[in-house]
């Protein structure tokens, strides 16, 4: 069961050195997840990677892949990213006219792959909200989600500053999760660092995407440990 005390750090490889990805991944093995940002240049003004690169990352990573699709029509590509190795697959509410159905589709595809022997574990579904999207956009489909991701920057580029105005949104969603007794991770992504992770944790987040604040440091394990420690202290 996932609770707000189950702190998870998910370093974003968007801030890593792609030329030396295998060695970069080796420096973050102490993290609970590896965050992989997929951007199509349309839904967000940036272009990153596709399924073949995700598959290569899966082969080198020790932690589960937390794949964040910042793309148009994500339902068209779910199977591609699940087969590439996504362990968590996130889709944006803004890109899914039928978000409830898309989250269910992620689960069903993952379950089918397990049944067919193509995977050893199911795929966890994640609904993502941009800063301008209200929490109510996911209220109707919480039961279909294993993770909710609240963007704390406008998506597309790393290195942005954490938007403090997202804290009430995090609090509202955490309240719904607890009121319904659901096992859902509440994640934040954008500008997360040692100086603000405690406030996000206190608001109700338990999973934290951190790119620049991890990869800028020479000792990545120390950076991850510090983030986890500060988040844990905020929810004791």
C-alpha atoms as a PDB file:
ATOM      1  CA  UNK A   1       0.000   0.000   0.000  1.00  0.00           C
ATOM      2  CA  UNK A   2       1.351   3.418  -0.949  1.00  0.00           C
ATOM      3  CA  UNK A   3       0.990   6.140   1.662  1.00  0.00           C
ATOM      4  CA  UNK A   4       2.344   9.632   2.001  1.00  0.00           C
ATOM      5  CA  UNK A   5       5.128   8.188   4.185  1.00  0.00           C
ATOM      6  CA  UNK A   6       6.365   5.941   1.369  1.00  0.00           C
ATOM      7  CA  UNK A   7       8.815   8.499   0.000  1.00  0.00           C
ATOM      8  CA  UNK A   8      10.070   7.890  -3.525  1.00  0.00           C
ATOM      9  CA  UNK A   9      12.718   9.863  -5.397  1.00  0.00           C
ATOM     10  CA  UNK A  10      12.552   9.720  -9.193  1.00  0.00           C
ATOM     11  CA  UNK A  11      15.577  11.391 -10.818  1.00  0.00           C
ATOM     12  CA  UNK A  12      14.713  12.776 -14.243  1.00  0.00           C
ATOM     13  CA  UNK A  13      17.195  11.717 -16.896  1.00  0.00           C
ATOM     14  CA  UNK A  14      16.266  14.818 -18.885  1.00  0.00           C
ATOM     15  CA  UNK A  15      19.063  16.428 -16.866  1.00  0.00           C
ATOM     16  CA  UNK A  16      21.530  13.584 -17.455  1.00  0.00           C
ATOM     17  CA  UNK A  17      24.314  13.283 -20.021  1.00  0.00           C
ATOM     18  CA  UNK A  18      22.710  11.243 -22.816  1.00  0.00           C
ATOM     19  CA  UNK A  19      26.098  10.411 -24.332  1.00  0.00           C
ATOM     20  CA  UNK A  20      27.014   8.483 -21.176  1.00  0.00           C
ATOM     21  CA  UNK A  21      23.559   7.290 -20.145  1.00  0.00           C
ATOM     22  CA  UNK A  22      24.587   3.892 -18.788  1.00  0.00           C
ATOM     23  CA  UNK A  23      27.125   5.428 -16.422  1.00  0.00           C
ATOM     24  CA  UNK A  24      24.680   8.202 -15.497  1.00  0.00           C
ATOM     25  CA  UNK A  25      22.060   5.598 -14.558  1.00  0.00           C
ATOM     26  CA  UNK A  26      24.629   3.817 -12.397  1.00  0.00           C
ATOM     27  CA  UNK A  27      24.955   6.972 -10.265  1.00  0.00           C
ATOM     28  CA  UNK A  28      21.250   6.999  -9.356  1.00  0.00           C
ATOM     29  CA  UNK A  29      20.742   3.351  -8.437  1.00  0.00           C
ATOM     30  CA  UNK A  30      19.773   4.348  -4.886  1.00  0.00           C
ATOM     31  CA  UNK A  31      16.625   6.050  -6.204  1.00  0.00           C
ATOM     32  CA  UNK A  32      13.263   4.306  -6.078  1.00  0.00           C
ATOM     33  CA  UNK A  33      12.416   5.239  -9.686  1.00  0.00           C
ATOM     34  CA  UNK A  34      13.956   6.587 -12.885  1.00  0.00           C
ATOM     35  CA  UNK A  35      11.874   9.337 -14.493  1.00  0.00           C
ATOM     36  CA  UNK A  36      11.817   9.348 -18.301  1.00  0.00           C
ATOM     37  CA  UNK A  37      10.335  12.382 -20.077  1.00  0.00           C
ATOM     38  CA  UNK A  38       8.896  11.728 -23.528  1.00  0.00           C
ATOM     39  CA  UNK A  39       8.098  14.899 -25.514  1.00  0.00           C
ATOM     40  CA  UNK A  40       6.767  15.158 -29.049  1.00  0.00           C
ATOM     41  CA  UNK A  41       7.412  18.806 -29.923  1.00  0.00           C
ATOM     42  CA  UNK A  42       3.647  19.397 -30.221  1.00  0.00           C
ATOM     43  CA  UNK A  43       2.027  18.927 -26.821  1.00  0.00           C
ATOM     44  CA  UNK A  44       5.093  20.629 -25.354  1.00  0.00           C
ATOM     45  CA  UNK A  45       7.670  22.779 -27.175  1.00  0.00           C
ATOM     46  CA  UNK A  46      10.470  20.241 -26.930  1.00  0.00           C
ATOM     47  CA  UNK A  47      11.418  16.944 -28.544  1.00  0.00           C
ATOM     48  CA  UNK A  48      13.112  14.104 -26.680  1.00  0.00           C
ATOM     49  CA  UNK A  49      13.001  10.331 -27.068  1.00  0.00           C
ATOM     50  CA  UNK A  50      10.871   7.466 -28.358  1.00  0.00           C
ATOM     51  CA  UNK A  51      10.313   3.780 -27.515  1.00  0.00           C
ATOM     52  CA  UNK A  52      13.709   2.472 -28.765  1.00  0.00           C
ATOM     53  CA  UNK A  53      15.581   4.786 -26.379  1.00  0.00           C
ATOM     54  CA  UNK A  54      13.221   3.900 -23.527  1.00  0.00           C
ATOM     55  CA  UNK A  55      13.954   0.236 -24.222  1.00  0.00           C
ATOM     56  CA  UNK A  56      17.704   0.905 -24.075  1.00  0.00           C
ATOM     57  CA  UNK A  57      17.297   2.780 -20.787  1.00  0.00           C
ATOM     58  CA  UNK A  58      15.264  -0.125 -19.391  1.00  0.00           C
ATOM     59  CA  UNK A  59      18.139  -2.450 -20.152  1.00  0.00           C
ATOM     60  CA  UNK A  60      20.583  -0.330 -18.161  1.00  0.00           C
ATOM     61  CA  UNK A  61      18.443   0.935 -15.284  1.00  0.00           C
ATOM     62  CA  UNK A  62      18.226  -0.847 -11.930  1.00  0.00           C
ATOM     63  CA  UNK A  63      15.084   0.973 -10.749  1.00  0.00           C
ATOM     64  CA  UNK A  64      11.597   0.885 -12.336  1.00  0.00           C
ATOM     65  CA  UNK A  65      10.976   3.294 -15.203  1.00  0.00           C
ATOM     66  CA  UNK A  66       8.547   6.132 -14.456  1.00  0.00           C
ATOM     67  CA  UNK A  67       7.658   7.182 -18.018  1.00  0.00           C
ATOM     68  CA  UNK A  68       5.913  10.536 -18.498  1.00  0.00           C
ATOM     69  CA  UNK A  69       4.249  10.996 -21.897  1.00  0.00           C
ATOM     70  CA  UNK A  70       4.050  14.652 -22.832  1.00  0.00           C
ATOM     71  CA  UNK A  71       2.577  13.886 -26.224  1.00  0.00           C
ATOM     72  CA  UNK A  72      -0.596  14.345 -28.222  1.00  0.00           C
ATOM     73  CA  UNK A  73      -2.941  11.348 -28.600  1.00  0.00           C
ATOM     74  CA  UNK A  74      -1.049   9.241 -26.023  1.00  0.00           C
ATOM     75  CA  UNK A  75      -3.589   6.416 -26.274  1.00  0.00           C
ATOM     76  CA  UNK A  76      -2.142   5.643 -29.721  1.00  0.00           C
ATOM     77  CA  UNK A  77       1.279   4.881 -28.271  1.00  0.00           C
ATOM     78  CA  UNK A  78       0.556   3.136 -24.961  1.00  0.00           C
ATOM     79  CA  UNK A  79       1.504  -0.329 -26.194  1.00  0.00           C
ATOM     80  CA  UNK A  80       4.779   0.943 -27.648  1.00  0.00           C
ATOM     81  CA  UNK A  81       5.966   2.409 -24.359  1.00  0.00           C
ATOM     82  CA  UNK A  82       4.679  -0.474 -22.262  1.00  0.00           C
ATOM     83  CA  UNK A  83       6.529  -2.944 -24.492  1.00  0.00           C
ATOM     84  CA  UNK A  84       9.627  -0.735 -24.312  1.00  0.00           C
ATOM     85  CA  UNK A  85       9.684  -1.246 -20.541  1.00  0.00           C
ATOM     86  CA  UNK A  86       7.619   1.430 -18.801  1.00  0.00           C
ATOM     87  CA  UNK A  87       6.713   0.347 -15.270  1.00  0.00           C
ATOM     88  CA  UNK A  88       4.641   3.463 -14.626  1.00  0.00           C
ATOM     89  CA  UNK A  89       3.072   5.220 -17.596  1.00  0.00           C
ATOM     90  CA  UNK A  90       1.809   8.784 -17.212  1.00  0.00           C
ATOM     91  CA  UNK A  91      -0.608  10.566 -19.538  1.00  0.00           C
ATOM     92  CA  UNK A  92      -1.797  14.167 -19.375  1.00  0.00           C
ATOM     93  CA  UNK A  93      -5.403  14.996 -18.589  1.00  0.00           C
ATOM     94  CA  UNK A  94      -5.102  17.807 -21.141  1.00  0.00           C
ATOM     95  CA  UNK A  95      -4.189  15.334 -23.914  1.00  0.00           C
ATOM     96  CA  UNK A  96      -6.796  12.670 -23.082  1.00  0.00           C
ATOM     97  CA  UNK A  97     -10.437  13.411 -23.902  1.00  0.00           C
ATOM     98  CA  UNK A  98     -11.311  10.143 -22.146  1.00  0.00           C
ATOM     99  CA  UNK A  99      -8.808  10.106 -19.289  1.00  0.00           C
ATOM    100  CA  UNK A 100     -10.686   7.505 -17.249  1.00  0.00           C
ATOM    101  CA  UNK A 101     -10.649   5.129 -20.201  1.00  0.00           C
ATOM    102  CA  UNK A 102      -7.000   5.746 -21.052  1.00  0.00           C
ATOM    103  CA  UNK A 103      -5.883   4.979 -17.498  1.00  0.00           C
ATOM    104  CA  UNK A 104      -7.875   1.755 -17.599  1.00  0.00           C
ATOM    105  CA  UNK A 105      -6.321   0.918 -20.964  1.00  0.00           C
ATOM    106  CA  UNK A 106      -2.810   1.221 -19.493  1.00  0.00           C
ATOM    107  CA  UNK A 107      -3.715  -1.269 -16.785  1.00  0.00           C
ATOM    108  CA  UNK A 108      -5.381  -3.702 -19.196  1.00  0.00           C
ATOM    109  CA  UNK A 109      -2.461  -3.728 -21.626  1.00  0.00           C
ATOM    110  CA  UNK A 110      -0.030  -4.336 -18.778  1.00  0.00           C
ATOM    111  CA  UNK A 111      -2.147  -7.156 -17.360  1.00  0.00           C
ATOM    112  CA  UNK A 112      -2.381  -8.774 -20.803  1.00  0.00           C
ATOM    113  CA  UNK A 113       1.391  -8.641 -21.213  1.00  0.00           C
ATOM    114  CA  UNK A 114       1.846 -10.353 -17.846  1.00  0.00           C
ATOM    115  CA  UNK A 115      -0.640 -13.041 -18.813  1.00  0.00           C
ATOM    116  CA  UNK A 116       1.203 -13.585 -22.108  1.00  0.00           C
ATOM    117  CA  UNK A 117       4.528 -13.852 -20.290  1.00  0.00           C
ATOM    118  CA  UNK A 118       5.915 -10.716 -21.936  1.00  0.00           C
ATOM    119  CA  UNK A 119       6.165  -8.888 -18.601  1.00  0.00           C
ATOM    120  CA  UNK A 120       6.786 -10.014 -15.049  1.00  0.00           C
ATOM    121  CA  UNK A 121       4.747  -7.237 -13.439  1.00  0.00           C
ATOM    122  CA  UNK A 122       1.724  -5.056 -14.336  1.00  0.00           C
ATOM    123  CA  UNK A 123       2.025  -1.454 -15.485  1.00  0.00           C
ATOM    124  CA  UNK A 124       0.947   1.291 -13.090  1.00  0.00           C
ATOM    125  CA  UNK A 125      -1.232   4.056 -14.544  1.00  0.00           C
ATOM    126  CA  UNK A 126      -0.560   7.730 -13.887  1.00  0.00           C
ATOM    127  CA  UNK A 127      -2.660  10.833 -14.584  1.00  0.00           C
ATOM    128  CA  UNK A 128      -0.747  14.090 -15.025  1.00  0.00           C
ATOM    129  CA  UNK A 129      -1.974  17.652 -14.473  1.00  0.00           C
ATOM    130  CA  UNK A 130      -0.409  20.812 -15.880  1.00  0.00           C
ATOM    131  CA  UNK A 131      -0.198  23.803 -13.503  1.00  0.00           C
ATOM    132  CA  UNK A 132      -3.216  25.510 -15.096  1.00  0.00           C
ATOM    133  CA  UNK A 133      -5.405  22.397 -14.856  1.00  0.00           C
ATOM    134  CA  UNK A 134      -7.525  22.148 -11.701  1.00  0.00           C
ATOM    135  CA  UNK A 135      -7.409  19.130  -9.411  1.00  0.00           C
ATOM    136  CA  UNK A 136     -11.020  18.351 -10.337  1.00  0.00           C
ATOM    137  CA  UNK A 137      -9.823  17.068 -13.727  1.00  0.00           C
ATOM    138  CA  UNK A 138      -8.727  13.811 -12.044  1.00  0.00           C
ATOM    139  CA  UNK A 139     -11.306  13.541  -9.267  1.00  0.00           C
ATOM    140  CA  UNK A 140     -13.569  11.294 -11.348  1.00  0.00           C
ATOM    141  CA  UNK A 141     -10.874   8.772 -12.231  1.00  0.00           C
ATOM    142  CA  UNK A 142      -8.821   8.329  -9.068  1.00  0.00           C
ATOM    143  CA  UNK A 143      -9.881   4.685  -8.840  1.00  0.00           C
ATOM    144  CA  UNK A 144      -8.279   4.056 -12.243  1.00  0.00           C
ATOM    145  CA  UNK A 145      -4.967   5.644 -11.266  1.00  0.00           C
ATOM    146  CA  UNK A 146      -1.990   4.225  -9.400  1.00  0.00           C
ATOM    147  CA  UNK A 147      -0.241   7.591  -9.414  1.00  0.00           C
ATOM    148  CA  UNK A 148      -1.251  11.234  -9.836  1.00  0.00           C
ATOM    149  CA  UNK A 149       1.446  13.628 -11.018  1.00  0.00           C
ATOM    150  CA  UNK A 150       1.042  17.342 -10.299  1.00  0.00           C
ATOM    151  CA  UNK A 151       3.311  19.423 -12.508  1.00  0.00           C
ATOM    152  CA  UNK A 152       4.961  22.163 -10.457  1.00  0.00           C
ATOM    153  CA  UNK A 153       6.416  23.834 -13.552  1.00  0.00           C
ATOM    154  CA  UNK A 154       5.031  24.299 -17.049  1.00  0.00           C
ATOM    155  CA  UNK A 155       6.183  21.136 -18.844  1.00  0.00           C
ATOM    156  CA  UNK A 156       8.707  21.009 -21.639  1.00  0.00           C
ATOM    157  CA  UNK A 157      12.068  22.029 -20.214  1.00  0.00           C
ATOM    158  CA  UNK A 158      14.158  21.267 -17.149  1.00  0.00           C
ATOM    159  CA  UNK A 159      15.692  23.751 -14.749  1.00  0.00           C
ATOM    160  CA  UNK A 160      12.527  25.778 -14.038  1.00  0.00           C
ATOM    161  CA  UNK A 161      11.460  27.117 -10.646  1.00  0.00           C
ATOM    162  CA  UNK A 162       8.924  25.306  -8.449  1.00  0.00           C
ATOM    163  CA  UNK A 163       5.470  26.957  -8.569  1.00  0.00           C
ATOM    164  CA  UNK A 164       4.443  27.320  -4.917  1.00  0.00           C
ATOM    165  CA  UNK A 165       0.817  27.950  -5.924  1.00  0.00           C
ATOM    166  CA  UNK A 166       0.521  24.210  -6.692  1.00  0.00           C
ATOM    167  CA  UNK A 167       0.652  23.277  -2.989  1.00  0.00           C
ATOM    168  CA  UNK A 168      -3.113  23.694  -2.404  1.00  0.00           C
ATOM    169  CA  UNK A 169      -3.771  21.443  -5.424  1.00  0.00           C
ATOM    170  CA  UNK A 170      -1.536  18.774  -3.900  1.00  0.00           C
ATOM    171  CA  UNK A 171      -3.361  19.085  -0.580  1.00  0.00           C
ATOM    172  CA  UNK A 172      -6.766  18.730  -2.257  1.00  0.00           C
ATOM    173  CA  UNK A 173      -5.797  15.594  -4.168  1.00  0.00           C
ATOM    174  CA  UNK A 174      -4.188  14.017  -1.105  1.00  0.00           C
ATOM    175  CA  UNK A 175      -7.411  14.678   0.784  1.00  0.00           C
ATOM    176  CA  UNK A 176      -9.448  12.808  -1.851  1.00  0.00           C
ATOM    177  CA  UNK A 177      -6.996   9.883  -1.842  1.00  0.00           C
ATOM    178  CA  UNK A 178      -7.168   9.490   1.912  1.00  0.00           C
ATOM    179  CA  UNK A 179     -10.930  10.007   2.106  1.00  0.00           C
ATOM    180  CA  UNK A 180     -11.458   7.168  -0.376  1.00  0.00           C
ATOM    181  CA  UNK A 181      -8.815   4.903   1.166  1.00  0.00           C
ATOM    182  CA  UNK A 182      -6.965   4.559  -2.146  1.00  0.00           C
ATOM    183  CA  UNK A 183      -3.440   3.257  -2.738  1.00  0.00           C
ATOM    184  CA  UNK A 184      -2.134   6.045  -4.959  1.00  0.00           C
ATOM    185  CA  UNK A 185       1.240   7.734  -5.115  1.00  0.00           C
ATOM    186  CA  UNK A 186       1.012  11.524  -5.358  1.00  0.00           C
ATOM    187  CA  UNK A 187       3.964  12.823  -7.321  1.00  0.00           C
ATOM    188  CA  UNK A 188       5.304  16.305  -8.064  1.00  0.00           C
ATOM    189  CA  UNK A 189       7.553  17.226 -10.957  1.00  0.00           C
ATOM    190  CA  UNK A 190       9.329  20.510 -11.571  1.00  0.00           C
ATOM    191  CA  UNK A 191      11.875  22.549  -9.680  1.00  0.00           C
ATOM    192  CA  UNK A 192      12.083  20.053  -6.809  1.00  0.00           C
ATOM    193  CA  UNK A 193      15.155  20.573  -4.648  1.00  0.00           C
ATOM    194  CA  UNK A 194      16.316  20.291  -1.058  1.00  0.00           C
ATOM    195  CA  UNK A 195      14.957  23.730  -0.153  1.00  0.00           C
ATOM    196  CA  UNK A 196      11.341  23.034  -1.185  1.00  0.00           C
ATOM    197  CA  UNK A 197      10.775  19.273  -1.081  1.00  0.00           C
ATOM    198  CA  UNK A 198       9.588  19.453   2.532  1.00  0.00           C
ATOM    199  CA  UNK A 199       6.743  21.823   1.659  1.00  0.00           C
ATOM    200  CA  UNK A 200       5.574  19.526  -1.142  1.00  0.00           C
ATOM    201  CA  UNK A 201       5.760  16.513   1.193  1.00  0.00           C
ATOM    202  CA  UNK A 202       3.861  18.346   3.925  1.00  0.00           C
ATOM    203  CA  UNK A 203       1.154  19.180   1.375  1.00  0.00           C
ATOM    204  CA  UNK A 204       0.722  15.478   0.624  1.00  0.00           C
ATOM    205  CA  UNK A 205       3.174  14.419  -2.083  1.00  0.00           C
ATOM    206  CA  UNK A 206       5.149  11.229  -1.510  1.00  0.00           C
ATOM    207  CA  UNK A 207       6.927  10.835  -4.866  1.00  0.00           C
ATOM    208  CA  UNK A 208       9.300  13.484  -6.210  1.00  0.00           C
ATOM    209  CA  UNK A 209      10.805  13.975  -9.652  1.00  0.00           C
ATOM    210  CA  UNK A 210      14.158  15.729  -9.398  1.00  0.00           C
ATOM    211  CA  UNK A 211      16.344  16.421 -12.404  1.00  0.00           C
ATOM    212  CA  UNK A 212      18.814  19.276 -12.127  1.00  0.00           C
ATOM    213  CA  UNK A 213      19.001  19.087  -8.327  1.00  0.00           C
ATOM    214  CA  UNK A 214      20.313  15.509  -8.596  1.00  0.00           C
ATOM    215  CA  UNK A 215      22.402  15.511 -11.756  1.00  0.00           C
ATOM    216  CA  UNK A 216      24.135  18.826 -11.033  1.00  0.00           C
ATOM    217  CA  UNK A 217      25.762  17.172  -8.011  1.00  0.00           C
ATOM    218  CA  UNK A 218      28.936  15.101  -8.244  1.00  0.00           C
ATOM    219  CA  UNK A 219      27.666  12.742  -5.541  1.00  0.00           C
ATOM    220  CA  UNK A 220      24.212  11.765  -6.827  1.00  0.00           C
ATOM    221  CA  UNK A 221      23.566   9.242  -4.052  1.00  0.00           C
ATOM    222  CA  UNK A 222      24.132  11.940  -1.449  1.00  0.00           C
ATOM    223  CA  UNK A 223      21.769  14.293  -3.297  1.00  0.00           C
ATOM    224  CA  UNK A 224      19.059  11.618  -3.489  1.00  0.00           C
ATOM    225  CA  UNK A 225      19.503  10.720   0.179  1.00  0.00           C
ATOM    226  CA  UNK A 226      19.218  14.371   1.210  1.00  0.00           C
ATOM    227  CA  UNK A 227      15.995  14.836  -0.752  1.00  0.00           C
ATOM    228  CA  UNK A 228      14.499  11.671   0.716  1.00  0.00           C
ATOM    229  CA  UNK A 229      15.535  12.633   4.259  1.00  0.00           C
ATOM    230  CA  UNK A 230      13.978  16.099   4.024  1.00  0.00           C
ATOM    231  CA  UNK A 231      10.733  14.702   2.611  1.00  0.00           C
ATOM    232  CA  UNK A 232      10.512  12.002   5.277  1.00  0.00           C
ATOM    233  CA  UNK A 233      11.073  14.554   8.044  1.00  0.00           C
ATOM    234  CA  UNK A 234       8.120  16.597   6.785  1.00  0.00           C
ATOM    235  CA  UNK A 235       5.589  13.757   7.157  1.00  0.00           C
ATOM    236  CA  UNK A 236       6.610  12.149  10.457  1.00  0.00           C
END
